[in-house]
Protein backbone atom coordinates (compact mmCIF):
# COMPACT_ATOMS: atom_id res chain seq x y z
CA UNK A 1 -92.18 -27.84 -14.22
CA UNK A 2 -90.43 -29.85 -16.92
CA UNK A 3 -86.65 -29.33 -16.85
CA UNK A 4 -84.58 -28.69 -20.00
CA UNK A 5 -82.81 -32.05 -19.50
CA UNK A 6 -86.16 -33.88 -19.66
CA UNK A 7 -87.21 -31.92 -22.76
CA UNK A 8 -83.91 -32.73 -24.48
CA UNK A 9 -84.25 -36.40 -23.54
CA UNK A 10 -87.82 -36.51 -24.91
CA UNK A 11 -86.69 -34.98 -28.21
CA UNK A 12 -83.74 -37.37 -28.47
CA UNK A 13 -86.03 -40.36 -27.85
CA UNK A 14 -87.54 -39.76 -31.29
CA UNK A 15 -84.08 -40.20 -32.82
CA UNK A 16 -83.15 -43.17 -30.62
CA UNK A 17 -86.31 -45.10 -31.52
CA UNK A 18 -85.48 -44.62 -35.20
CA UNK A 19 -81.95 -45.86 -34.54
CA UNK A 20 -83.41 -48.88 -32.74
CA UNK A 21 -85.36 -49.59 -35.92
CA UNK A 22 -82.18 -49.16 -37.94
CA UNK A 23 -80.46 -51.79 -35.80
CA UNK A 24 -83.30 -54.18 -36.61
CA UNK A 25 -82.87 -53.43 -40.33
CA UNK A 26 -79.13 -54.14 -40.18
CA UNK A 27 -79.37 -57.46 -38.33
CA UNK A 28 -82.46 -58.77 -40.13
CA UNK A 29 -80.40 -60.73 -42.74
CA UNK A 30 -79.05 -62.92 -39.91
CA UNK A 31 -82.52 -64.49 -39.51
CA UNK A 32 -83.80 -63.92 -43.05
CA UNK A 33 -80.99 -65.46 -45.11
CA UNK A 34 -80.87 -68.87 -43.35
CA UNK A 35 -84.62 -69.15 -44.02
CA UNK A 36 -84.12 -68.30 -47.71
CA UNK A 37 -81.31 -70.89 -47.98
CA UNK A 38 -83.50 -73.64 -46.48
CA UNK A 39 -84.49 -76.40 -48.95
CA UNK A 40 -88.19 -75.89 -48.24
CA UNK A 41 -88.05 -72.09 -48.54
CA UNK A 42 -90.98 -70.51 -50.43
CA UNK A 43 -88.59 -67.75 -51.53
CA UNK A 44 -85.37 -69.58 -52.52
CA UNK A 45 -82.08 -67.71 -52.86
CA UNK A 46 -78.41 -68.43 -53.61
CA UNK A 47 -75.37 -66.65 -52.19
CA UNK A 48 -75.34 -64.03 -54.97
CA UNK A 49 -78.98 -63.06 -54.44
CA UNK A 50 -78.52 -63.19 -50.67
CA UNK A 51 -75.63 -60.73 -50.83
CA UNK A 52 -77.90 -58.24 -52.62
CA UNK A 53 -80.73 -58.77 -50.14
CA UNK A 54 -78.31 -57.90 -47.36
CA UNK A 55 -76.40 -55.08 -49.08
CA UNK A 56 -79.22 -53.25 -50.91
CA UNK A 57 -79.75 -51.09 -47.81
CA UNK A 58 -76.36 -49.51 -48.53
CA UNK A 59 -77.34 -48.44 -52.03
CA UNK A 60 -80.77 -47.27 -50.85
CA UNK A 61 -79.09 -45.23 -48.15
CA UNK A 62 -77.66 -42.85 -50.78
CA UNK A 63 -81.02 -41.36 -51.89
CA UNK A 64 -82.00 -41.46 -48.22
CA UNK A 65 -79.10 -39.22 -47.25
CA UNK A 66 -79.70 -36.90 -50.20
CA UNK A 67 -83.43 -36.63 -49.44
CA UNK A 68 -82.93 -35.92 -45.74
CA UNK A 69 -80.20 -33.35 -46.49
CA UNK A 70 -82.51 -31.49 -48.88
CA UNK A 71 -85.50 -31.67 -46.56
CA UNK A 72 -83.62 -30.59 -43.44
CA UNK A 73 -82.11 -27.59 -45.23
CA UNK A 74 -85.32 -26.41 -46.91
CA UNK A 75 -88.12 -27.46 -44.56
CA UNK A 76 -86.38 -27.86 -41.21
CA UNK A 77 -85.27 -30.75 -39.03
CA UNK A 78 -88.70 -31.62 -37.60
CA UNK A 79 -90.59 -32.13 -40.86
CA UNK A 80 -87.60 -33.85 -42.48
CA UNK A 81 -87.36 -36.40 -39.66
CA UNK A 82 -91.11 -37.11 -39.80
CA UNK A 83 -91.07 -37.63 -43.58
CA UNK A 84 -88.10 -40.03 -43.69
CA UNK A 85 -89.67 -42.36 -41.13
CA UNK A 86 -92.51 -43.26 -43.54
CA UNK A 87 -90.41 -45.35 -46.02
CA UNK A 88 -89.21 -47.48 -43.10
CA UNK A 89 -92.79 -48.29 -42.12
CA UNK A 90 -93.71 -49.12 -45.73
CA UNK A 91 -90.55 -51.22 -46.14
CA UNK A 92 -91.31 -53.47 -43.17
CA UNK A 93 -94.88 -53.95 -44.41
CA UNK A 94 -93.58 -55.02 -47.83
CA UNK A 95 -91.16 -57.47 -46.22
CA UNK A 96 -94.01 -58.96 -44.16
CA UNK A 97 -96.20 -59.50 -47.24
CA UNK A 98 -93.34 -60.47 -49.63
CA UNK A 99 -93.81 -63.54 -51.82
CA UNK A 100 -90.66 -63.21 -53.96
CA UNK A 101 -87.12 -61.84 -53.88
CA UNK A 102 -88.03 -58.66 -55.78
CA UNK A 103 -90.53 -57.52 -53.15
CA UNK A 104 -88.06 -58.43 -50.39
CA UNK A 105 -85.35 -56.29 -51.98
CA UNK A 106 -87.78 -53.38 -52.49
CA UNK A 107 -88.84 -53.63 -48.85
CA UNK A 108 -85.24 -53.81 -47.64
CA UNK A 109 -84.36 -50.86 -49.87
CA UNK A 110 -87.14 -48.71 -48.40
CA UNK A 111 -85.92 -49.63 -44.91
CA UNK A 112 -82.38 -48.76 -46.02
CA UNK A 113 -83.57 -45.42 -47.39
CA UNK A 114 -85.13 -44.56 -44.02
CA UNK A 115 -82.08 -45.83 -42.14
CA UNK A 116 -79.68 -43.81 -44.30
CA UNK A 117 -81.82 -40.70 -43.98
CA UNK A 118 -81.89 -40.87 -40.19
CA UNK A 119 -78.15 -41.48 -39.61
CA UNK A 120 -76.93 -37.97 -40.37
CA UNK A 121 -80.28 -36.26 -39.75
CA UNK A 122 -80.51 -37.85 -36.31
CA UNK A 123 -76.97 -36.77 -35.48
CA UNK A 124 -77.74 -33.20 -36.61
CA UNK A 125 -80.91 -33.13 -34.50
CA UNK A 126 -79.08 -34.32 -31.39
CA UNK A 127 -76.24 -31.87 -32.03
CA UNK A 128 -78.61 -28.91 -32.38
CA UNK A 129 -81.22 -29.83 -29.75
CA UNK A 130 -78.93 -30.77 -26.85
CA UNK A 131 -76.41 -28.91 -24.69
CA UNK A 132 -72.64 -29.40 -25.19
CA UNK A 133 -72.42 -31.29 -21.89
CA UNK A 134 -75.11 -33.80 -22.89
CA UNK A 135 -74.41 -33.93 -26.62
CA UNK A 136 -71.68 -36.57 -26.50
CA UNK A 137 -73.74 -38.90 -24.31
CA UNK A 138 -76.85 -38.59 -26.48
CA UNK A 139 -74.84 -39.08 -29.70
CA UNK A 140 -73.26 -42.23 -28.25
CA UNK A 141 -76.70 -43.52 -27.23
CA UNK A 142 -77.51 -43.65 -30.97
CA UNK A 143 -75.06 -46.55 -31.20
CA UNK A 144 -76.53 -48.13 -28.07
CA UNK A 145 -80.00 -48.01 -29.66
CA UNK A 146 -78.70 -49.71 -32.81
CA UNK A 147 -76.99 -52.44 -30.74
CA UNK A 148 -80.21 -53.10 -28.83
CA UNK A 149 -82.05 -53.31 -32.16
CA UNK A 150 -79.51 -55.89 -33.36
CA UNK A 151 -80.01 -57.96 -30.22
CA UNK A 152 -83.80 -57.76 -30.45
CA UNK A 153 -83.79 -59.24 -33.96
CA UNK A 154 -81.47 -62.10 -32.98
CA UNK A 155 -83.63 -62.81 -29.92
CA UNK A 156 -86.99 -62.50 -31.68
CA UNK A 157 -85.71 -64.54 -34.63
CA UNK A 158 -85.13 -67.49 -32.30
CA UNK A 159 -88.80 -67.58 -31.26
CA UNK A 160 -90.65 -66.16 -34.27
CA UNK A 161 -90.58 -66.45 -38.06
CA UNK A 162 -88.93 -63.61 -39.98
CA UNK A 163 -92.31 -62.26 -41.14
CA UNK A 164 -93.48 -61.82 -37.56
CA UNK A 165 -90.22 -60.08 -36.66
CA UNK A 166 -90.75 -57.69 -39.60
CA UNK A 167 -94.18 -56.78 -38.20
CA UNK A 168 -92.75 -56.15 -34.71
CA UNK A 169 -90.04 -53.95 -36.26
CA UNK A 170 -92.74 -51.45 -37.28
CA UNK A 171 -93.28 -50.33 -33.69
CA UNK A 172 -90.11 -48.23 -33.13
CA UNK A 173 -90.80 -46.16 -36.25
CA UNK A 174 -94.44 -45.55 -35.30
CA UNK A 175 -93.50 -44.47 -31.76
CA UNK A 176 -90.75 -42.23 -33.14
CA UNK A 177 -93.23 -40.50 -35.45
CA UNK A 178 -95.51 -39.73 -32.49
CA UNK A 179 -92.62 -38.12 -30.57
CA UNK A 180 -91.33 -36.13 -33.56
CA UNK A 181 -94.73 -34.42 -33.94
CA UNK A 182 -94.22 -32.84 -30.48
CA UNK A 183 -90.77 -31.35 -31.23
CA UNK A 184 -90.09 -27.63 -31.60
CA UNK A 185 -88.14 -26.67 -34.71
CA UNK A 186 -84.35 -26.60 -34.45
CA UNK A 187 -83.06 -23.26 -33.09
CA UNK A 188 -80.03 -23.47 -35.41
CA UNK A 189 -82.18 -23.98 -38.52
CA UNK A 190 -84.47 -21.10 -37.53
CA UNK A 191 -81.43 -18.86 -37.03
CA UNK A 192 -80.03 -19.86 -40.44
CA UNK A 193 -83.35 -18.68 -41.93
CA UNK A 194 -83.02 -15.34 -40.07
CA UNK A 195 -86.04 -16.20 -37.90
CA UNK A 196 -84.23 -15.03 -34.79
CA UNK A 197 -87.19 -14.55 -32.45
CA UNK A 198 -88.48 -18.08 -33.13
CA UNK A 199 -84.94 -19.41 -32.76
CA UNK A 200 -84.57 -17.80 -29.35
CA UNK A 201 -87.92 -19.16 -28.16
CA UNK A 202 -87.10 -22.70 -29.35
CA UNK A 203 -83.58 -22.55 -27.89
CA UNK A 204 -84.74 -21.50 -24.42
CA UNK A 205 -87.51 -24.15 -24.48
CA UNK A 206 -84.88 -26.83 -25.02
CA UNK A 207 -82.02 -25.44 -22.93
CA UNK A 208 -83.60 -23.17 -20.33
CA UNK A 209 -82.29 -19.71 -19.43
CA UNK A 210 -78.90 -19.70 -17.75
CA UNK A 211 -75.58 -17.90 -18.39
CA UNK A 212 -74.18 -20.78 -20.48
CA UNK A 213 -77.25 -21.12 -22.71
CA UNK A 214 -77.52 -17.35 -23.17
CA UNK A 215 -73.87 -17.18 -24.21
CA UNK A 216 -74.21 -20.09 -26.68
CA UNK A 217 -77.37 -18.60 -28.20
CA UNK A 218 -75.68 -15.20 -28.52
CA UNK A 219 -72.70 -16.72 -30.36
CA UNK A 220 -74.95 -18.65 -32.75
CA UNK A 221 -77.17 -15.64 -33.53
CA UNK A 222 -74.13 -13.37 -33.99
CA UNK A 223 -72.56 -15.79 -36.46
CA UNK A 224 -75.78 -16.02 -38.49
CA UNK A 225 -76.35 -12.25 -38.48
CA UNK A 226 -72.81 -11.70 -39.77
CA UNK A 227 -73.19 -14.28 -42.51
CA UNK A 228 -73.47 -12.75 -45.97
CA UNK A 229 -77.01 -12.78 -47.35
CA UNK A 230 -77.68 -14.29 -50.76
CA UNK A 231 -80.81 -13.91 -52.87
CA UNK A 232 -83.48 -16.38 -51.77
CA UNK A 233 -84.45 -17.37 -55.33
CA UNK A 234 -81.71 -19.30 -57.07
CA UNK A 235 -81.69 -21.39 -60.20
CA UNK A 236 -80.81 -25.07 -60.06
CA UNK A 237 -77.51 -24.34 -61.86
CA UNK A 238 -76.62 -21.74 -59.23
CA UNK A 239 -77.39 -24.17 -56.41
CA UNK A 240 -75.27 -26.89 -58.05
CA UNK A 241 -72.42 -24.44 -58.54
CA UNK A 242 -72.62 -23.40 -54.89
CA UNK A 243 -72.54 -27.06 -53.83
CA UNK A 244 -69.37 -27.80 -55.79
CA UNK A 245 -67.77 -24.56 -54.58
CA UNK A 246 -67.97 -25.99 -51.07
CA UNK A 247 -65.21 -28.43 -52.05
CA UNK A 248 -62.86 -25.43 -52.25
CA UNK A 249 -63.56 -24.37 -48.66
CA UNK A 250 -61.46 -25.57 -45.78
CA UNK A 251 -64.37 -25.75 -43.32
CA UNK A 252 -66.07 -28.23 -45.68
CA UNK A 253 -63.15 -30.30 -46.96
CA UNK A 254 -61.60 -31.05 -43.56
CA UNK A 255 -64.84 -32.42 -42.05
CA UNK A 256 -65.44 -34.53 -45.19
CA UNK A 257 -61.98 -36.11 -44.87
CA UNK A 258 -62.64 -36.85 -41.19
CA UNK A 259 -66.01 -38.40 -42.04
CA UNK A 260 -64.43 -40.56 -44.77
CA UNK A 261 -61.91 -42.15 -42.44
CA UNK A 262 -64.52 -42.30 -39.68
CA UNK A 263 -66.80 -44.27 -42.03
CA UNK A 264 -63.92 -46.58 -42.96
CA UNK A 265 -63.25 -47.20 -39.27
CA UNK A 266 -66.95 -47.75 -38.58
CA UNK A 267 -67.40 -50.42 -41.24
CA UNK A 268 -64.03 -52.13 -40.82
CA UNK A 269 -64.62 -52.75 -37.11
CA UNK A 270 -67.72 -54.81 -37.99
CA UNK A 271 -70.38 -52.27 -37.07
CA UNK A 272 -72.84 -53.43 -39.76
CA UNK A 273 -71.20 -56.66 -40.90
CA UNK A 274 -71.32 -58.66 -37.68
CA UNK A 275 -75.05 -58.14 -36.91
CA UNK A 276 -75.99 -59.17 -40.46
CA UNK A 277 -73.84 -62.34 -40.47
CA UNK A 278 -73.54 -62.99 -36.73
CA UNK A 279 -75.09 -66.46 -36.67
CA UNK A 280 -73.01 -67.64 -39.64
CA UNK A 281 -69.77 -66.23 -38.19
CA UNK A 282 -70.30 -67.70 -34.73
CA UNK A 283 -71.34 -71.05 -36.22
CA UNK A 284 -68.05 -71.26 -38.14
CA UNK A 285 -65.98 -70.16 -35.13
CA UNK A 286 -67.59 -72.64 -32.71
CA UNK A 287 -68.39 -75.41 -35.18
CA UNK A 288 -71.65 -75.89 -33.27
CA UNK A 289 -74.82 -74.74 -34.99
CA UNK A 290 -77.08 -75.57 -32.03
CA UNK A 291 -75.14 -73.27 -29.70
CA UNK A 292 -74.51 -70.40 -32.14
CA UNK A 293 -77.68 -68.57 -31.04
CA UNK A 294 -76.59 -68.48 -27.40
CA UNK A 295 -73.10 -67.31 -28.26
CA UNK A 296 -74.54 -64.62 -30.55
CA UNK A 297 -77.01 -63.45 -27.91
CA UNK A 298 -74.20 -63.32 -25.34
CA UNK A 299 -72.07 -61.16 -27.63
CA UNK A 300 -75.11 -58.95 -28.37
CA UNK A 301 -75.58 -58.37 -24.63
CA UNK A 302 -71.89 -57.53 -24.23
CA UNK A 303 -71.95 -55.15 -27.20
CA UNK A 304 -75.07 -53.36 -25.91
CA UNK A 305 -73.62 -53.08 -22.41
CA UNK A 306 -70.33 -51.68 -23.72
CA UNK A 307 -72.23 -49.16 -25.89
CA UNK A 308 -74.13 -47.96 -22.80
CA UNK A 309 -70.87 -47.76 -20.86
CA UNK A 310 -69.37 -45.72 -23.70
CA UNK A 311 -72.18 -43.17 -23.28
CA UNK A 312 -71.05 -42.76 -19.67
CA UNK A 313 -67.34 -42.64 -20.51
CA UNK A 314 -67.83 -39.94 -23.14
CA UNK A 315 -69.03 -37.57 -20.42
CA UNK A 316 -65.83 -37.97 -18.39
CA UNK A 317 -63.19 -38.75 -21.02
CA UNK A 318 -61.94 -36.82 -24.02
CA UNK A 319 -63.17 -38.07 -27.41
CA UNK A 320 -59.66 -38.68 -28.76
CA UNK A 321 -58.51 -40.56 -25.66
CA UNK A 322 -61.56 -42.83 -25.77
CA UNK A 323 -61.36 -43.42 -29.53
CA UNK A 324 -57.67 -44.19 -29.89
CA UNK A 325 -57.24 -45.93 -26.53
CA UNK A 326 -60.06 -48.39 -27.20
CA UNK A 327 -59.44 -48.50 -30.97
CA UNK A 328 -55.82 -49.63 -30.96
CA UNK A 329 -56.55 -52.08 -28.11
CA UNK A 330 -59.45 -53.53 -30.13
CA UNK A 331 -57.20 -53.87 -33.19
CA UNK A 332 -54.62 -55.81 -31.16
CA UNK A 333 -57.30 -58.19 -29.85
CA UNK A 334 -58.71 -58.65 -33.37
CA UNK A 335 -55.30 -59.68 -34.68
CA UNK A 336 -55.08 -62.22 -31.84
CA UNK A 337 -58.49 -63.61 -32.84
CA UNK A 338 -57.42 -63.95 -36.48
CA UNK A 339 -54.15 -65.64 -35.49
CA UNK A 340 -55.92 -68.12 -33.22
CA UNK A 341 -58.54 -68.99 -35.85
CA UNK A 342 -55.86 -69.37 -38.54
CA UNK A 343 -53.80 -71.73 -36.38
CA UNK A 344 -56.82 -73.82 -35.38
CA UNK A 345 -58.15 -73.96 -38.96
CA UNK A 346 -54.81 -75.32 -40.18
CA UNK A 347 -54.53 -77.90 -37.41
CA UNK A 348 -51.58 -76.22 -35.70
CA UNK A 349 -53.48 -75.98 -32.41
CA UNK A 350 -56.51 -77.78 -31.01
CA UNK A 351 -59.98 -76.90 -32.34
CA UNK A 352 -61.70 -78.07 -29.16
CA UNK A 353 -61.42 -74.77 -27.28
CA UNK A 354 -63.76 -72.59 -29.34
CA UNK A 355 -64.60 -70.62 -26.20
CA UNK A 356 -61.19 -68.92 -26.54
CA UNK A 357 -62.13 -67.39 -29.91
CA UNK A 358 -65.60 -66.42 -28.68
CA UNK A 359 -64.11 -64.76 -25.58
CA UNK A 360 -61.61 -62.84 -27.71
CA UNK A 361 -64.43 -61.76 -30.04
CA UNK A 362 -66.43 -60.57 -27.03
CA UNK A 363 -63.45 -58.57 -25.75
CA UNK A 364 -62.91 -57.11 -29.21
CA UNK A 365 -66.51 -55.94 -29.53
CA UNK A 366 -66.42 -54.46 -26.02
CA UNK A 367 -63.41 -52.34 -26.97
CA UNK A 368 -64.69 -51.48 -30.47
CA UNK A 369 -68.05 -50.32 -29.13
CA UNK A 370 -66.44 -48.04 -26.57
CA UNK A 371 -65.05 -45.73 -29.25
CA UNK A 372 -64.74 -47.04 -32.81
CA UNK A 373 -68.47 -47.35 -33.53
CA UNK A 374 -70.11 -44.50 -31.57
CA UNK A 375 -67.61 -41.67 -32.11
CA UNK A 376 -67.53 -41.71 -35.96
CA UNK A 377 -71.35 -41.52 -35.93
CA UNK A 378 -71.27 -38.78 -33.31
CA UNK A 379 -68.99 -36.72 -35.56
CA UNK A 380 -71.83 -36.43 -38.08
CA UNK A 381 -73.61 -34.12 -35.66
CA UNK A 382 -70.55 -32.07 -34.75
CA UNK A 383 -68.02 -31.41 -37.50
CA UNK A 384 -70.02 -29.68 -40.27
CA UNK A 385 -70.58 -25.91 -39.92
CA UNK A 386 -74.21 -24.77 -40.04
CA UNK A 387 -73.81 -23.32 -43.55
CA UNK A 388 -72.60 -26.71 -44.86
CA UNK A 389 -74.71 -29.02 -42.70
CA UNK A 390 -77.14 -30.04 -45.44
CA UNK A 391 -74.50 -30.50 -48.15
CA UNK A 392 -72.14 -32.13 -45.66
CA UNK A 393 -74.83 -34.61 -44.66
CA UNK A 394 -75.32 -35.50 -48.34
CA UNK A 395 -71.62 -36.17 -48.89
CA UNK A 396 -71.28 -37.99 -45.57
CA UNK A 397 -74.33 -40.07 -46.43
CA UNK A 398 -72.89 -41.07 -49.78
CA UNK A 399 -69.61 -42.09 -48.13
CA UNK A 400 -71.32 -44.08 -45.38
CA UNK A 401 -73.71 -45.78 -47.80
CA UNK A 402 -70.90 -46.87 -50.12
CA UNK A 403 -68.95 -48.23 -47.15
CA UNK A 404 -71.99 -50.16 -45.88
CA UNK A 405 -72.74 -51.55 -49.34
CA UNK A 406 -69.11 -52.56 -49.93
CA UNK A 407 -68.86 -54.26 -46.55
CA UNK A 408 -72.17 -56.12 -46.89
CA UNK A 409 -71.40 -57.10 -50.49
CA UNK A 410 -67.93 -58.56 -50.00
CA UNK A 411 -68.44 -60.23 -46.60
CA UNK A 412 -70.29 -63.39 -47.80
CA UNK A 413 -67.63 -63.95 -50.47
CA UNK A 414 -64.80 -63.39 -47.97
CA UNK A 415 -66.39 -65.80 -45.49
CA UNK A 416 -66.48 -68.48 -48.19
CA UNK A 417 -63.02 -67.84 -49.69
CA UNK A 418 -60.79 -66.83 -46.77
CA UNK A 419 -62.97 -67.87 -43.81
CA UNK A 420 -63.63 -65.81 -40.71
CA UNK A 421 -59.96 -65.22 -39.87
CA UNK A 422 -59.15 -63.88 -43.33
CA UNK A 423 -62.29 -61.72 -43.40
CA UNK A 424 -61.45 -60.00 -40.13
CA UNK A 425 -57.78 -59.69 -41.08
CA UNK A 426 -58.81 -57.68 -44.17
CA UNK A 427 -61.10 -55.48 -42.10
CA UNK A 428 -58.43 -55.14 -39.40
CA UNK A 429 -55.97 -53.70 -41.93
CA UNK A 430 -58.51 -51.07 -42.99
CA UNK A 431 -59.30 -50.35 -39.34
CA UNK A 432 -55.62 -49.73 -38.55
CA UNK A 433 -55.27 -47.33 -41.50
CA UNK A 434 -58.32 -45.32 -40.41
CA UNK A 435 -57.12 -45.04 -36.81
CA UNK A 436 -53.67 -43.81 -37.82
CA UNK A 437 -55.05 -41.12 -40.16
CA UNK A 438 -57.66 -39.93 -37.65
CA UNK A 439 -54.94 -39.69 -35.03
CA UNK A 440 -53.44 -36.81 -37.04
CA UNK A 441 -56.56 -34.97 -38.27
CA UNK A 442 -59.31 -35.35 -35.63
CA UNK A 443 -59.72 -32.41 -33.20
CA UNK A 444 -61.00 -32.77 -29.64
CA UNK A 445 -64.68 -31.76 -29.53
CA UNK A 446 -65.65 -32.62 -25.96
CA UNK A 447 -67.71 -29.85 -24.29
CA UNK A 448 -67.21 -27.54 -27.29
CA UNK A 449 -70.20 -25.70 -28.70
CA UNK A 450 -71.03 -26.27 -32.35
CA UNK A 451 -70.00 -22.68 -33.03
CA UNK A 452 -66.56 -23.28 -31.47
CA UNK A 453 -66.10 -26.40 -33.59
CA UNK A 454 -67.13 -24.42 -36.68
CA UNK A 455 -64.52 -21.78 -35.83
CA UNK A 456 -61.86 -24.49 -35.50
CA UNK A 457 -62.42 -25.78 -39.02
CA UNK A 458 -62.35 -22.24 -40.38
CA UNK A 459 -59.20 -21.06 -38.65
CA UNK A 460 -57.35 -24.13 -37.41
CA UNK A 461 -57.90 -23.41 -33.71
CA UNK A 462 -60.67 -23.06 -31.16
CA UNK A 463 -61.52 -19.47 -30.42
CA UNK A 464 -59.73 -17.97 -27.44
CA UNK A 465 -62.45 -16.74 -25.11
CA UNK A 466 -60.14 -14.02 -23.81
CA UNK A 467 -60.15 -12.24 -27.14
CA UNK A 468 -63.69 -12.98 -28.32
CA UNK A 469 -64.70 -9.34 -27.87
CA UNK A 470 -61.84 -8.02 -29.94
CA UNK A 471 -63.24 -6.33 -33.07
CA UNK A 472 -60.41 -7.52 -35.28
CA UNK A 473 -60.95 -11.13 -34.24
CA UNK A 474 -64.68 -10.79 -34.83
CA UNK A 475 -64.05 -9.61 -38.38
CA UNK A 476 -61.81 -12.61 -39.00
CA UNK A 477 -64.47 -14.96 -37.70
CA UNK A 478 -67.00 -13.94 -40.37
CA UNK A 479 -67.53 -17.13 -42.48
CA UNK A 480 -66.49 -17.09 -46.11
């Protein structure tokens, strides 16, 4: 008999394979751009064009987020996830057959659309399909999958041309599509559509029948049965008005603020920037082009290992402890890296010991990937109440896409104007700001059910189990 843990793992594998493909999308510029800059390139490009080739995935992520949010709300999580995989497959095919910059950008944009669509949708799927005890680990494994995708591109790019790598990158999306077809529909989405019998069947298939799962299902169904019904047929104006009204509700605004600073932290710690420009950054730091691949691969291995370790730590440590402990330590190491590179660049200390900077970078990425990169992405699947999950994913997607685009767009110019030390000093300042703000506004979500987290954002506290049967408390818990 297949256990619930195996069923949850199988379902999550569909998300993780998509995230692996996203990692390949993010790091692809590191092998593509040097080829475009080469004198004998059949598709020549300058730094301005190259910055758009790299950053267009951020812009394309915005319609991706909006599309996935609409699809997951109207048609369910399963169909939405299957649909948004298709642009990624088409995008890699266009990149493989590209003969000019325009086709390359279109292909990258389609890959970015699929990547953007799966970020929040994947987090929502993991949040709704897995148990509270496993949710944190599975959400952190999303980051691990992306890191492995980054490493695969850097490794494959050393042995194969970028067109061949683009063809190989198709495989994760195709495998993910096969797995998604076997999923049941999300119990939470079925409950939100008042399909309670189907919701119960799907929930028990994923979680099994035990006292904890029965209690969680009961809380979710109760909350949805108490929710005020609205007419099913609404005009577009009514739907738009309802969307903007969400910005007046505390249980929507507070998660959006958390996601904003989480996205700032995610981008400023180099989550998307380093994979895309890894070879160029390491080449400048070491001053040795022939060895930059080996240094990059070494850092990739360290990043992937630390991301896996983070998935273990999140099961035994509180989210806040892991995030702020590793985050502030990473910030301190980053400032040391910037100081060392500044002093060596200005001849104040010897340039012969490049291994010092590489070691500090490795330590920085170990610490950053323990908390700063996985936890902000995990929050996408936890902080938005069920009633706002589609709209929240849209807003979160817009925020994340703009942050990715901004980071990708400015990085090549920063690397040219203020070098590596200045680039990371700028990002370090933003990282410090995000950590300080999150320290005051981020609740602890470890081992909390999604319903408990929803209650926290409505009423400023997690529900006291001792009074959950009190009629007066129940009336207060009815969502607005």
